[in-house]
N, C-alpha and C. Protein backbone atom coordinates (compact mmCIF):
# COMPACT_ATOMS: atom_id res chain seq x y z
N UNK A 1 -44.40 -36.77 -3.58
CA UNK A 1 -44.44 -35.68 -4.64
C UNK A 1 -44.26 -36.63 -6.23
N UNK A 2 -44.60 -36.17 -6.83
CA UNK A 2 -44.46 -36.61 -8.47
C UNK A 2 -42.73 -36.15 -8.93
N UNK A 3 -42.73 -36.84 -10.03
CA UNK A 3 -41.57 -37.17 -10.24
C UNK A 3 -40.96 -35.14 -10.73
N UNK A 4 -39.90 -35.01 -10.28
CA UNK A 4 -39.27 -33.70 -10.77
C UNK A 4 -38.24 -33.81 -11.94
N UNK A 5 -38.16 -33.08 -12.90
CA UNK A 5 -37.20 -32.97 -13.75
C UNK A 5 -35.77 -32.61 -13.50
N UNK A 6 -35.45 -32.42 -12.24
CA UNK A 6 -34.17 -32.31 -11.60
C UNK A 6 -34.36 -32.46 -10.13
N UNK A 7 -32.99 -32.23 -9.66
CA UNK A 7 -32.94 -32.57 -8.15
C UNK A 7 -33.21 -31.48 -7.40
N UNK A 8 -34.07 -31.57 -6.35
CA UNK A 8 -34.17 -30.54 -5.49
C UNK A 8 -33.19 -30.00 -4.88
N UNK A 9 -32.73 -28.75 -4.57
CA UNK A 9 -31.52 -28.37 -3.72
C UNK A 9 -32.32 -27.38 -2.56
N UNK A 10 -33.38 -27.10 -2.65
CA UNK A 10 -33.84 -26.05 -1.47
C UNK A 10 -35.32 -26.14 -1.11
N UNK A 11 -35.60 -26.47 0.17
CA UNK A 11 -37.07 -26.39 0.31
C UNK A 11 -37.35 -25.40 1.27
N UNK A 12 -38.73 -24.67 1.28
CA UNK A 12 -38.88 -23.66 2.29
C UNK A 12 -40.45 -23.79 2.26
N UNK A 13 -41.01 -23.37 3.44
CA UNK A 13 -42.20 -23.17 3.72
C UNK A 13 -42.67 -21.71 3.74
N UNK A 14 -43.60 -21.44 2.76
CA UNK A 14 -44.30 -20.09 2.70
C UNK A 14 -45.59 -20.11 2.70
N UNK A 15 -46.01 -18.89 3.24
CA UNK A 15 -47.56 -18.73 3.68
C UNK A 15 -48.20 -17.59 2.97
N UNK A 16 -49.44 -17.85 2.34
CA UNK A 16 -50.14 -16.82 1.49
C UNK A 16 -50.65 -15.85 2.62
N UNK A 17 -51.44 -15.04 1.80
CA UNK A 17 -52.20 -13.64 2.56
C UNK A 17 -52.98 -14.39 3.40
N UNK A 18 -53.70 -15.54 3.41
CA UNK A 18 -54.70 -15.98 4.26
C UNK A 18 -54.14 -17.07 5.22
N UNK A 19 -52.68 -17.18 5.20
CA UNK A 19 -51.86 -17.66 6.20
C UNK A 19 -51.77 -19.47 5.96
N UNK A 20 -52.04 -19.72 4.55
CA UNK A 20 -52.21 -21.02 4.45
C UNK A 20 -50.86 -21.83 4.00
N UNK A 21 -50.50 -22.81 4.42
CA UNK A 21 -49.06 -23.24 4.21
C UNK A 21 -48.80 -23.87 2.75
N UNK A 22 -47.51 -23.39 2.05
CA UNK A 22 -47.36 -23.84 0.82
C UNK A 22 -45.92 -24.39 0.85
N UNK A 23 -45.50 -25.34 0.00
CA UNK A 23 -44.10 -25.87 0.04
C UNK A 23 -43.65 -25.39 -1.25
N UNK A 24 -42.51 -24.62 -1.32
CA UNK A 24 -41.84 -24.03 -2.34
C UNK A 24 -40.53 -24.58 -2.53
N UNK A 25 -40.36 -25.54 -3.82
CA UNK A 25 -39.07 -26.30 -4.06
C UNK A 25 -38.19 -25.71 -5.09
N UNK A 26 -37.19 -25.50 -4.99
CA UNK A 26 -36.21 -24.98 -5.87
C UNK A 26 -35.27 -26.07 -6.30
N UNK A 27 -34.77 -26.27 -7.65
CA UNK A 27 -34.37 -27.13 -8.23
C UNK A 27 -33.02 -26.51 -8.89
N UNK A 28 -32.13 -27.33 -9.10
CA UNK A 28 -30.62 -26.87 -9.55
C UNK A 28 -30.57 -26.22 -10.98
N UNK A 29 -31.82 -26.51 -11.76
CA UNK A 29 -31.85 -25.86 -13.15
C UNK A 29 -32.52 -24.73 -13.02
N UNK A 30 -32.78 -24.39 -12.04
CA UNK A 30 -33.86 -22.99 -11.76
C UNK A 30 -35.42 -23.30 -12.06
N UNK A 31 -35.74 -24.69 -11.67
CA UNK A 31 -37.38 -24.89 -11.56
C UNK A 31 -37.49 -24.67 -10.15
N UNK A 32 -38.71 -23.80 -10.00
CA UNK A 32 -39.53 -23.38 -8.72
C UNK A 32 -40.78 -24.11 -8.89
N UNK A 33 -41.04 -24.84 -7.71
CA UNK A 33 -42.55 -25.36 -7.68
C UNK A 33 -43.16 -24.82 -6.63
N UNK A 34 -44.28 -24.90 -6.63
CA UNK A 34 -45.10 -24.56 -5.46
C UNK A 34 -46.18 -25.56 -5.28
N UNK A 35 -46.35 -26.01 -3.89
CA UNK A 35 -47.19 -27.14 -3.51
C UNK A 35 -48.20 -26.45 -2.53
N UNK A 36 -49.55 -26.56 -2.43
CA UNK A 36 -50.50 -26.17 -1.39
C UNK A 36 -50.27 -27.77 -0.71
N UNK A 37 -50.48 -27.04 0.81
CA UNK A 37 -50.21 -28.29 1.68
C UNK A 37 -51.18 -28.60 2.84
N UNK A 38 -52.42 -28.22 2.58
CA UNK A 38 -53.81 -27.79 3.15
C UNK A 38 -54.43 -29.20 3.07
N UNK A 39 -54.25 -30.02 2.20
CA UNK A 39 -54.96 -31.09 1.95
C UNK A 39 -54.80 -32.40 2.97
N UNK A 40 -55.85 -33.07 3.38
CA UNK A 40 -55.31 -34.26 4.51
C UNK A 40 -54.46 -35.52 3.70
N UNK A 41 -53.80 -36.15 4.59
CA UNK A 41 -52.84 -37.30 4.19
C UNK A 41 -53.39 -38.04 3.32
N UNK A 42 -54.89 -38.30 3.35
CA UNK A 42 -55.64 -39.63 2.79
C UNK A 42 -55.67 -38.85 0.92
N UNK A 43 -55.60 -37.67 0.92
CA UNK A 43 -55.87 -36.88 -0.29
C UNK A 43 -54.55 -36.70 -1.20
N UNK A 44 -53.44 -37.00 -0.31
CA UNK A 44 -52.07 -36.72 -0.63
C UNK A 44 -51.42 -35.64 -0.18
N UNK A 45 -52.13 -34.95 0.63
CA UNK A 45 -51.00 -33.93 1.14
C UNK A 45 -50.81 -32.64 0.40
N UNK A 46 -49.98 -33.03 -0.60
CA UNK A 46 -49.46 -31.90 -1.43
C UNK A 46 -50.03 -32.19 -2.83
N UNK A 47 -50.28 -30.53 -3.25
CA UNK A 47 -51.08 -30.36 -4.65
C UNK A 47 -50.09 -29.31 -5.21
N UNK A 48 -49.74 -29.64 -6.44
CA UNK A 48 -48.98 -28.81 -7.02
C UNK A 48 -49.82 -27.63 -7.69
N UNK A 49 -49.36 -26.62 -7.53
CA UNK A 49 -50.09 -25.21 -7.87
C UNK A 49 -49.43 -24.68 -9.24
N UNK A 50 -48.10 -24.75 -9.43
CA UNK A 50 -47.63 -23.99 -10.35
C UNK A 50 -45.93 -24.34 -10.43
N UNK A 51 -45.43 -24.34 -11.77
CA UNK A 51 -43.98 -24.28 -11.78
C UNK A 51 -43.57 -23.12 -12.64
N UNK A 52 -42.53 -22.67 -12.06
CA UNK A 52 -41.67 -21.57 -12.75
C UNK A 52 -40.21 -21.87 -13.14
N UNK A 53 -39.75 -21.48 -14.16
CA UNK A 53 -38.22 -21.81 -14.56
C UNK A 53 -37.51 -20.41 -14.64
N UNK A 54 -36.67 -20.35 -13.66
CA UNK A 54 -36.17 -19.06 -13.47
C UNK A 54 -34.95 -18.94 -14.80
N UNK A 55 -34.65 -17.89 -15.63
CA UNK A 55 -33.65 -18.00 -16.53
C UNK A 55 -32.50 -17.86 -16.19
N UNK A 56 -31.51 -18.73 -16.79
CA UNK A 56 -29.78 -18.76 -16.16
C UNK A 56 -29.31 -17.41 -16.98
N UNK A 57 -28.40 -16.91 -16.25
CA UNK A 57 -27.90 -15.95 -16.21
C UNK A 57 -26.28 -15.97 -15.97
N UNK A 58 -25.06 -15.73 -16.55
CA UNK A 58 -24.01 -15.78 -15.90
C UNK A 58 -23.52 -15.02 -14.76
N UNK A 59 -22.70 -15.44 -13.97
CA UNK A 59 -22.51 -14.79 -12.55
C UNK A 59 -21.92 -13.31 -12.81
N UNK A 60 -22.22 -12.41 -12.17
CA UNK A 60 -21.40 -11.05 -12.45
C UNK A 60 -19.93 -11.11 -11.64
N UNK A 61 -20.11 -12.01 -10.65
CA UNK A 61 -18.79 -11.99 -9.88
C UNK A 61 -18.54 -13.26 -9.36
N UNK A 62 -17.52 -13.62 -8.87
CA UNK A 62 -17.20 -14.86 -8.17
C UNK A 62 -16.62 -14.62 -6.89
N UNK A 63 -16.98 -15.67 -6.00
CA UNK A 63 -16.40 -15.54 -4.62
C UNK A 63 -15.35 -15.99 -4.86
N UNK A 64 -13.99 -15.62 -3.85
CA UNK A 64 -12.84 -15.97 -3.63
C UNK A 64 -12.53 -16.36 -2.13
N UNK A 65 -11.96 -17.41 -1.99
CA UNK A 65 -11.63 -17.74 -0.48
C UNK A 65 -10.29 -17.15 0.14
N UNK A 66 -10.41 -16.40 1.22
CA UNK A 66 -8.81 -15.99 1.48
C UNK A 66 -8.78 -16.49 3.11
N UNK A 67 -7.98 -17.29 3.41
CA UNK A 67 -7.48 -17.76 4.57
C UNK A 67 -6.81 -16.64 5.33
N UNK A 68 -7.65 -15.93 6.32
CA UNK A 68 -7.22 -15.19 7.19
C UNK A 68 -6.26 -15.92 8.51
N UNK A 69 -7.10 -16.75 8.58
CA UNK A 69 -6.14 -17.53 9.79
C UNK A 69 -4.82 -17.89 9.58
N UNK A 70 -4.49 -18.15 8.36
CA UNK A 70 -3.02 -18.72 8.22
C UNK A 70 -2.00 -17.40 8.20
N UNK A 71 -2.70 -15.88 7.92
CA UNK A 71 -1.87 -14.78 8.35
C UNK A 71 -0.59 -14.91 7.82
């Protein structure tokens, strides 16, 4: 894949309505990139379709750890 402006944190295979596979890449800064995966390996396999930036929002809550085993 080409250079990304951030480090990927999540990868998922998704399929369109025709069943064609796509790779969805999520990065730390909220960048989502979608790649088509139906090209032959000689052509590079991945073809970028689109990038989307998700807006950053403050968290409405935080998770707290409670050690229930300590009793």
